[in-house]
Amino acid sequence: MYIKLLSVLGMASIILFTSCSEPEPTQTPPPVVYKKDTATIQQQAVKPQAPVINIVDTIRPAAIVLVMKDSASSSETIGVKMHSIYSEVLMKIIKDKKLTISGPRMAWYKTSSPPFFFEAGYPVDKKPAGKLPKNCFIKELKTDSALVAHYYGPYDLTYQAYEALKEWMSDYKKKSSGAPYEIYIGSMYDDKGKPVNPYRVQTDIIFPHK
């Protein structure tokens, strides 16, 4: 439901680059972890339609995020585990701690190949009081400049957005100021549990930068 570099983009992706600044002669940004399940992509018999990737340079607002860390053996398993984390584990904590969700689901990926280590969370209105369950913690995000890719397409092709963001960072000599993460604006399933067109589902991929 919620589901990881290679070479320069060489396919017909629709990429719209919008920047708030001109290139600056500074240092090259450090490497970024990409999330891509290569085995899954190689097994695809039919080449899918190219995703739509709209890139903007903007400001990331501050946020308090209730997060749970976990791992998965494959991209398919990530979806199952995230569903449990978002719909059960975190919702119970939010209810018990009397918190209010203040935005869409979020996720950080720590590895680029199986097993995938990740953190899944919800932004909330305040820090919870008392002790949190095992593997759960609060992640505080400060207001910062950020490059955002608004991605529409199959989830296993999101690596193309990561690739495009990395290229933009290099072209404009921007330096990373934090780990990249994803925000899931839409769901891959409708209210009846049926899959929706992935090209109508938005995933925001965020690269904080200096």
Protein backbone atom coordinates (compact mmCIF):
# COMPACT_ATOMS: atom_id res chain seq x y z
CA MET A 1 0.00 0.00 0.00
CA TYR A 2 2.75 2.39 0.80
CA ILE A 3 5.80 1.06 -0.64
CA LYS A 4 13.80 1.37 -3.57
CA LEU A 5 21.15 4.53 -7.66
CA LEU A 6 21.55 3.77 -11.02
CA SER A 7 22.62 5.91 -14.03
CA VAL A 8 21.33 9.22 -15.38
CA LEU A 9 17.63 9.19 -16.29
CA GLY A 10 17.36 7.90 -19.83
CA MET A 11 13.65 7.44 -20.26
CA ALA A 12 10.63 9.51 -21.17
CA SER A 13 9.69 10.70 -17.67
CA ILE A 14 7.77 13.96 -17.57
CA ILE A 15 9.98 16.04 -15.28
CA LEU A 16 9.23 19.70 -14.63
CA PHE A 17 12.06 21.49 -12.82
CA THR A 18 11.13 24.67 -10.95
CA SER A 19 13.82 26.42 -8.92
CA CYS A 20 13.84 29.43 -6.63
CA SER A 21 17.53 30.14 -7.20
CA GLU A 22 20.34 30.01 -9.74
CA PRO A 23 23.29 27.57 -9.47
CA GLU A 24 25.86 28.50 -6.86
CA PRO A 25 29.54 27.54 -6.99
CA THR A 26 29.77 25.51 -3.77
CA GLN A 27 30.49 21.93 -2.80
CA THR A 28 28.87 18.79 -4.20
CA PRO A 29 26.22 17.23 -1.90
CA PRO A 30 27.00 13.93 -0.14
CA PRO A 31 25.59 10.62 -1.38
CA VAL A 32 21.93 9.93 -0.68
CA VAL A 33 20.39 6.56 0.16
CA TYR A 34 18.02 5.42 -2.57
CA LYS A 35 15.16 3.01 -2.09
CA LYS A 36 14.97 0.55 -4.96
CA ASP A 37 14.02 -3.11 -5.20
CA THR A 38 16.13 -3.99 -8.25
CA ALA A 39 15.00 -7.61 -8.37
CA THR A 40 11.36 -6.59 -8.66
CA ILE A 41 12.07 -4.16 -11.49
CA GLN A 42 14.11 -6.69 -13.45
CA GLN A 43 11.26 -9.20 -13.25
CA GLN A 44 8.73 -6.85 -14.87
CA ALA A 45 7.64 -8.35 -18.18
CA VAL A 46 6.02 -5.17 -19.52
CA LYS A 47 7.67 -1.77 -19.30
CA PRO A 48 5.26 0.49 -17.39
CA GLN A 49 4.21 3.98 -18.38
CA ALA A 50 6.71 6.61 -17.28
CA PRO A 51 5.79 8.34 -14.00
CA VAL A 52 5.12 12.07 -13.71
CA ILE A 53 7.69 13.89 -11.55
CA ASN A 54 7.25 17.60 -10.75
CA ILE A 55 10.19 19.14 -8.86
CA VAL A 56 10.01 22.35 -6.80
CA ASP A 57 12.43 24.11 -4.45
CA THR A 58 10.51 25.23 -1.38
CA ILE A 59 10.49 25.52 2.43
CA ARG A 60 9.82 22.55 4.69
CA PRO A 61 7.78 23.57 7.77
CA ALA A 62 8.73 22.40 11.25
CA ALA A 63 6.98 19.26 12.46
CA ILE A 64 6.77 16.84 15.38
CA VAL A 65 6.57 13.29 14.02
CA LEU A 66 5.58 10.19 15.98
CA VAL A 67 7.69 7.43 14.42
CA MET A 68 8.13 3.66 14.67
CA LYS A 69 11.20 1.92 13.23
CA ASP A 70 11.08 -1.52 11.64
CA SER A 71 12.59 -3.63 8.85
CA ALA A 72 11.33 -5.69 5.89
CA SER A 73 12.83 -8.38 3.67
CA SER A 74 11.29 -6.98 0.44
CA SER A 75 9.37 -4.01 -0.92
CA GLU A 76 6.17 -6.09 -0.75
CA THR A 77 6.70 -6.78 2.95
CA ILE A 78 7.19 -3.08 3.60
CA GLY A 79 3.60 -2.44 2.54
CA VAL A 80 2.23 -5.03 4.93
CA LYS A 81 4.28 -3.78 7.87
CA MET A 82 3.53 -0.13 7.18
CA HIS A 83 -0.18 -0.84 7.06
CA SER A 84 0.04 -2.34 10.54
CA ILE A 85 2.18 0.54 11.85
CA TYR A 86 -0.04 3.30 10.45
CA SER A 87 -3.46 1.75 11.10
CA GLU A 88 -2.82 -0.05 14.39
CA VAL A 89 0.38 0.69 16.36
CA LEU A 90 0.62 4.45 15.87
CA MET A 91 -3.13 4.99 16.01
CA LYS A 92 -3.25 3.31 19.42
CA ILE A 93 -0.46 5.54 20.73
CA ILE A 94 -2.12 8.64 19.30
CA LYS A 95 -5.37 7.72 21.01
CA ASP A 96 -3.75 6.78 24.33
CA LYS A 97 -1.60 9.94 24.42
CA LYS A 98 -4.47 12.18 23.29
CA LEU A 99 -2.58 13.42 20.24
CA THR A 100 -3.94 14.86 17.00
CA ILE A 101 -2.60 13.91 13.57
CA SER A 102 -1.52 17.09 11.77
CA GLY A 103 -0.58 15.78 8.31
CA PRO A 104 -0.18 12.81 5.93
CA ARG A 105 1.83 9.63 6.60
CA MET A 106 5.62 9.92 6.40
CA ALA A 107 8.54 7.47 6.02
CA TRP A 108 12.36 7.42 6.09
CA TYR A 109 14.35 4.61 4.44
CA LYS A 110 17.75 3.74 5.92
CA THR A 111 18.97 1.15 3.39
CA SER A 112 18.94 0.85 -0.40
CA SER A 113 18.61 -2.94 -0.70
CA PRO A 114 16.93 -5.81 1.21
CA PRO A 115 16.57 -6.04 4.10
CA PHE A 116 15.02 -2.56 4.17
CA PHE A 117 15.27 -0.65 7.43
CA PHE A 118 12.71 2.14 7.68
CA GLU A 119 10.87 4.53 9.97
CA ALA A 120 7.15 5.22 9.49
CA GLY A 121 5.26 7.99 11.23
CA TYR A 122 2.53 10.60 11.53
CA PRO A 123 3.08 14.31 12.22
CA VAL A 124 1.26 15.20 15.45
CA ASP A 125 0.24 18.39 17.25
CA LYS A 126 2.51 17.98 20.29
CA LYS A 127 5.09 15.80 22.01
CA PRO A 128 3.46 12.90 23.88
CA ALA A 129 3.85 12.72 27.63
CA GLY A 130 5.36 9.67 29.28
CA LYS A 131 7.19 6.67 27.84
CA LEU A 132 6.59 5.40 24.32
CA PRO A 133 6.43 1.71 23.28
CA LYS A 134 9.53 -0.12 22.06
CA ASN A 135 10.91 1.14 18.71
CA CYS A 136 8.68 4.23 18.85
CA PHE A 137 10.10 7.73 19.27
CA ILE A 138 9.62 11.40 18.36
CA LYS A 139 11.43 12.93 15.39
CA GLU A 140 11.55 16.74 15.35
CA LEU A 141 11.88 18.49 11.97
CA LYS A 142 12.98 22.12 11.85
CA THR A 143 11.93 24.65 9.23
CA ASP A 144 14.38 24.20 6.35
CA SER A 145 14.85 24.64 2.61
CA ALA A 146 13.84 21.50 0.74
CA LEU A 147 13.69 20.11 -2.76
CA VAL A 148 10.39 18.28 -3.29
CA ALA A 149 9.46 15.83 -6.05
CA HIS A 150 5.69 15.45 -6.47
CA TYR A 151 5.58 11.91 -7.83
CA TYR A 152 2.67 10.19 -9.61
CA GLY A 153 3.12 6.59 -10.74
CA PRO A 154 3.89 3.01 -9.61
CA TYR A 155 5.68 2.94 -6.30
CA ASP A 156 8.50 0.68 -7.53
CA LEU A 157 9.55 3.44 -9.95
CA THR A 158 10.04 6.12 -7.29
CA TYR A 159 13.80 5.63 -7.68
CA GLN A 160 13.49 7.80 -10.80
CA ALA A 161 12.38 10.72 -8.62
CA TYR A 162 15.31 10.14 -6.27
CA GLU A 163 17.62 10.13 -9.29
CA ALA A 164 16.16 13.38 -10.61
CA LEU A 165 16.45 15.06 -7.20
CA LYS A 166 20.08 13.98 -6.88
CA GLU A 167 20.81 15.42 -10.34
CA TRP A 168 19.15 18.74 -9.42
CA MET A 169 21.16 18.96 -6.19
CA SER A 170 24.36 18.40 -8.15
CA ASP A 171 23.48 20.91 -10.88
CA TYR A 172 22.65 23.65 -8.38
CA LYS A 173 25.51 22.82 -6.01
CA LYS A 174 23.21 22.26 -3.05
CA LYS A 175 24.29 20.40 0.09
CA SER A 176 22.03 17.98 1.96
CA SER A 177 20.96 19.17 5.42
CA GLY A 178 19.11 16.02 6.49
CA ALA A 179 17.95 12.57 5.48
CA PRO A 180 15.45 12.40 2.59
CA TYR A 181 11.96 11.13 3.35
CA GLU A 182 8.59 10.49 1.75
CA ILE A 183 5.11 11.87 2.39
CA TYR A 184 2.13 9.83 1.20
CA ILE A 185 -0.55 12.28 0.09
CA GLY A 186 -2.84 9.64 -1.38
CA SER A 187 -3.58 5.94 -0.96
CA MET A 188 -3.07 3.09 -3.42
CA TYR A 189 -6.51 1.74 -2.43
CA ASP A 190 -9.97 3.30 -2.33
CA ASP A 191 -12.53 3.12 0.49
CA LYS A 192 -13.66 -0.31 -0.74
CA GLY A 193 -10.12 -1.72 -0.71
CA LYS A 194 -9.73 -1.72 -4.48
CA PRO A 195 -6.47 -0.55 -6.14
CA VAL A 196 -6.61 2.93 -7.68
CA ASN A 197 -4.74 4.18 -10.73
CA PRO A 198 -1.16 4.78 -9.40
CA TYR A 199 -0.78 7.74 -11.77
CA ARG A 200 -3.46 9.51 -9.73
CA VAL A 201 -1.73 8.89 -6.39
CA GLN A 202 0.71 11.53 -5.11
CA THR A 203 3.88 10.74 -3.17
CA ASP A 204 6.12 13.65 -2.14
CA ILE A 205 9.84 12.89 -1.87
CA ILE A 206 11.68 15.46 0.23
CA PHE A 207 15.38 16.37 0.09
CA PRO A 208 16.22 18.95 2.82
CA HIS A 209 19.14 21.14 1.67
CA LYS A 210 21.31 24.15 2.47
